[in-house]
């Protein structure tokens, strides 16, 4: 079989990436193509070819799912507000609802803290206000008295035995932290409407990978993604995507975690969807 000439392959990567970037940016000639022209034009080209032509154009997660994962990761990292704004706009451009974006950013509070979530919501507010076509009304959920029971049910659905092990491991040193994980994490946050469990776990895998400081929790949530209907392919794709937004070391560490989780599930006969 004749190989594709390198110049043609490069052209195809750029064209494929430019098409995805146009969909995300909502413009025919995205600003990113020109923004580095005076200092690093090759980085602009590589962004189009690799970030969009190689990664975001891959099969697996839909473009809206990829954008929500990117929004979650950038919000959690907290160090790239202009890029977060771009990808919040991008999520809207590819069909994500404003409420889904807000739910992802509320979800960020669990894994990156309240300051990261609050800062990201400020960016989202600016993005929504800049678009006259958006008439956003926030969802308000009344405080419930069954937070613990609701949280424990959701924890069981998402993390199963792994989640119970995390709570049990806190019993001898910080049992109240275990209770807060159940009540707040799963009773208040995971149980909110507006974003299904699969989307929440995709966002969580993205955040735990990008942060690079939560390998045990990443493993728990890789199990969780598979438990709520996600696939191994989706898990790998989201982790690979983090190479663009958090660097290759973060993605490589995420792949190591995924390998361990898949092997564990194969060994016990609970492999999950492919």
Foldseek 3Di string as FASTA:
>chain_A
DDDDPPVVVLVQLLVQLLVQVCLLQVHNDDPLCPPCVVPCNVVSSCCSRPLRSPFCSDPDDDNLLLLLLLLLQCLLVVPCLVVNLSSLSSNVSNPQALQLSLLSLVLSCVPRNDVSSVVSVVSSVVSQVVDPVDDDDYDDDDDDPCLQVQLVVQCCQQQNPLLVVVQVVCVVPHNVVSSCCSRCVRSPRQPDPDDDQLSSLLNVLSNCLLVLPRLVVNLSSVSRNLSNQHALVSSLSSLVSSCSVRNDVSSVSSVVSSVVSQVVCVVVVNNGHD
